[in-house]
Amino acid sequence: IKNGQGRLQVTTTHQAHSLGVAAALAVQKIIHNDELLNHVHVLGEYMRKTLKEELGQHSYFRDLRGRGLRFSLEYQCENKHEFGQKLEKVMLDKHDILISAKWHRVCITPALTLQKIEADIVMEKLIKEFRALASGHL
């Protein structure tokens, strides 16, 4: 690629298809590693437990759904969409943390290689900003 045109040629034929298949197979080898799967399960449980302990009694808190490192924090407030959009924006602008907030929930989907120390930072910032934003809406 580097010595050629510097990019993959993808047209209506199968150009670059073999590269895409090779990349997909490499990802599957990583994902199907038992240690990684256990890590994803344990860290996801830890993150949901932390959120429930810290926000479970908050008037905006509704539920946590999902498993592993793919889960959503559901909230209930007067203007759910606006609350979620503001929370998404403040997490990105202040902390460089990407979350996806839509309608009535925040989707938390970090990299599967996330480490506990990084998860602690994400949870600390999310909990802090959730509370701060909610107090402005009360």
Protein backbone atom coordinates (compact mmCIF):
# COMPACT_ATOMS: atom_id res chain seq x y z
CA ILE A 1 0.00 0.00 0.00
CA LYS A 2 2.74 2.42 1.02
CA ASN A 3 4.82 1.78 -2.10
CA GLY A 4 1.81 1.86 -4.41
CA GLN A 5 -0.85 4.55 -4.49
CA GLY A 6 -0.87 4.98 -0.70
CA ARG A 7 -4.47 3.85 -0.32
CA LEU A 8 -6.72 0.87 -0.81
CA GLN A 9 -8.59 0.68 -4.05
CA VAL A 10 -12.21 -0.23 -3.35
CA THR A 11 -14.52 -0.33 -6.32
CA THR A 12 -17.39 -2.51 -7.45
CA THR A 13 -15.19 -5.60 -7.63
CA HIS A 14 -13.54 -7.38 -4.70
CA GLN A 15 -10.50 -5.12 -4.40
CA ALA A 16 -9.35 -4.86 -0.78
CA HIS A 17 -11.81 -7.60 0.21
CA SER A 18 -9.03 -9.97 1.25
CA LEU A 19 -7.49 -7.29 3.46
CA GLY A 20 -10.85 -6.67 5.14
CA VAL A 21 -11.31 -10.40 5.74
CA ALA A 22 -7.79 -10.70 7.19
CA ALA A 23 -8.48 -7.79 9.56
CA ALA A 24 -11.82 -9.29 10.64
CA LEU A 25 -10.18 -12.65 11.36
CA ALA A 26 -7.43 -10.97 13.41
CA VAL A 27 -10.06 -9.17 15.49
CA GLN A 28 -11.94 -12.44 16.07
CA LYS A 29 -8.77 -14.10 17.36
CA ILE A 30 -8.42 -11.30 19.93
CA ILE A 31 -12.08 -11.25 20.92
CA HIS A 32 -12.35 -15.03 21.34
CA ASN A 33 -9.51 -15.05 23.86
CA ASP A 34 -10.94 -16.36 27.15
CA GLU A 35 -8.89 -13.91 29.19
CA LEU A 36 -10.27 -10.95 27.23
CA LEU A 37 -13.84 -12.22 27.53
CA ASN A 38 -13.45 -12.64 31.29
CA HIS A 39 -11.91 -9.17 31.56
CA VAL A 40 -14.85 -7.65 29.64
CA HIS A 41 -17.37 -9.44 31.87
CA VAL A 42 -15.68 -8.56 35.17
CA LEU A 43 -14.98 -4.93 34.27
CA GLY A 44 -18.51 -4.41 32.94
CA GLU A 45 -20.00 -5.81 36.17
CA TYR A 46 -17.72 -3.51 38.16
CA MET A 47 -18.74 -0.45 36.16
CA ARG A 48 -22.47 -1.17 36.45
CA LYS A 49 -22.13 -1.84 40.17
CA THR A 50 -20.29 1.46 40.64
CA LEU A 51 -22.93 3.39 38.72
CA LYS A 52 -25.75 1.74 40.64
CA GLU A 53 -24.10 2.43 44.00
CA GLU A 54 -23.39 6.05 43.14
CA LEU A 55 -26.50 7.00 41.17
CA GLY A 56 -29.07 4.34 42.09
CA GLN A 57 -30.82 6.60 44.62
CA HIS A 58 -30.69 9.69 42.40
CA SER A 59 -34.11 10.92 41.31
CA TYR A 60 -33.04 10.84 37.63
CA PHE A 61 -31.74 7.26 37.75
CA ARG A 62 -34.05 4.67 36.19
CA ASP A 63 -32.11 1.52 35.23
CA LEU A 64 -28.91 -0.07 33.94
CA ARG A 65 -29.18 -2.50 31.01
CA GLY A 66 -26.68 -4.56 29.11
CA ARG A 67 -23.71 -6.77 29.82
CA GLY A 68 -19.97 -6.75 29.50
CA LEU A 69 -18.70 -3.38 28.31
CA ARG A 70 -21.84 -2.65 26.29
CA PHE A 71 -24.49 -1.18 28.53
CA SER A 72 -26.83 1.77 29.00
CA LEU A 73 -27.66 4.03 31.90
CA GLU A 74 -31.32 4.97 31.67
CA TYR A 75 -32.55 8.19 33.23
CA GLN A 76 -35.91 9.84 33.80
CA CYS A 77 -36.31 13.61 33.86
CA GLU A 78 -38.48 16.30 32.32
CA ASN A 79 -36.47 16.82 29.13
CA LYS A 80 -34.61 13.53 28.65
CA HIS A 81 -33.26 14.29 25.19
CA GLU A 82 -31.82 17.67 26.21
CA PHE A 83 -30.33 16.20 29.40
CA GLY A 84 -28.63 13.43 27.42
CA GLN A 85 -27.29 15.79 24.77
CA LYS A 86 -25.82 18.10 27.41
CA LEU A 87 -24.27 15.17 29.26
CA GLU A 88 -22.74 13.85 26.04
CA LYS A 89 -21.33 17.29 25.20
CA VAL A 90 -19.85 17.99 28.63
CA MET A 91 -18.20 14.55 28.75
CA LEU A 92 -16.54 15.22 25.41
CA ASP A 93 -15.69 18.90 25.91
CA LYS A 94 -14.42 18.69 29.49
CA HIS A 95 -13.02 15.16 29.67
CA ASP A 96 -12.44 13.88 26.10
CA ILE A 97 -14.74 10.95 26.88
CA LEU A 98 -17.12 9.77 24.17
CA ILE A 99 -20.56 8.56 25.21
CA SER A 100 -23.71 8.26 23.15
CA ALA A 101 -26.78 9.84 24.70
CA LYS A 102 -30.15 9.41 23.04
CA TRP A 103 -33.72 9.84 24.17
CA HIS A 104 -33.65 8.38 27.69
CA ARG A 105 -30.27 6.71 28.04
CA VAL A 106 -26.50 7.02 27.90
CA CYS A 107 -24.82 4.17 26.04
CA ILE A 108 -21.45 3.21 27.47
CA THR A 109 -19.36 1.31 24.95
CA PRO A 110 -15.66 1.65 25.73
CA ALA A 111 -12.90 -0.29 24.04
CA LEU A 112 -12.88 -3.92 25.11
CA THR A 113 -9.26 -3.41 26.16
CA LEU A 114 -10.25 -0.75 28.73
CA GLN A 115 -8.35 -1.15 31.98
CA LYS A 116 -9.77 -0.71 35.51
CA ILE A 117 -7.87 2.52 36.13
CA GLU A 118 -9.39 3.97 32.94
CA ALA A 119 -12.84 2.68 33.89
CA ASP A 120 -12.50 4.42 37.27
CA ILE A 121 -11.74 7.72 35.53
CA VAL A 122 -14.73 7.34 33.19
CA MET A 123 -17.07 6.47 36.07
CA GLU A 124 -15.80 9.32 38.25
CA LYS A 125 -16.33 11.88 35.49
CA LEU A 126 -19.69 10.48 34.38
CA ILE A 127 -21.09 10.38 37.91
CA LYS A 128 -19.83 13.89 38.66
CA GLU A 129 -21.25 15.39 35.47
CA PHE A 130 -24.54 13.49 35.74
CA ARG A 131 -25.08 14.90 39.23
CA ALA A 132 -23.98 18.41 38.28
CA LEU A 133 -26.20 18.53 35.22
CA ALA A 134 -29.16 17.06 37.10
CA SER A 135 -28.83 19.62 39.88
CA GLY A 136 -29.16 22.35 37.24
CA HIS A 137 -32.37 20.74 36.02
CA LEU A 138 -34.03 20.23 39.40
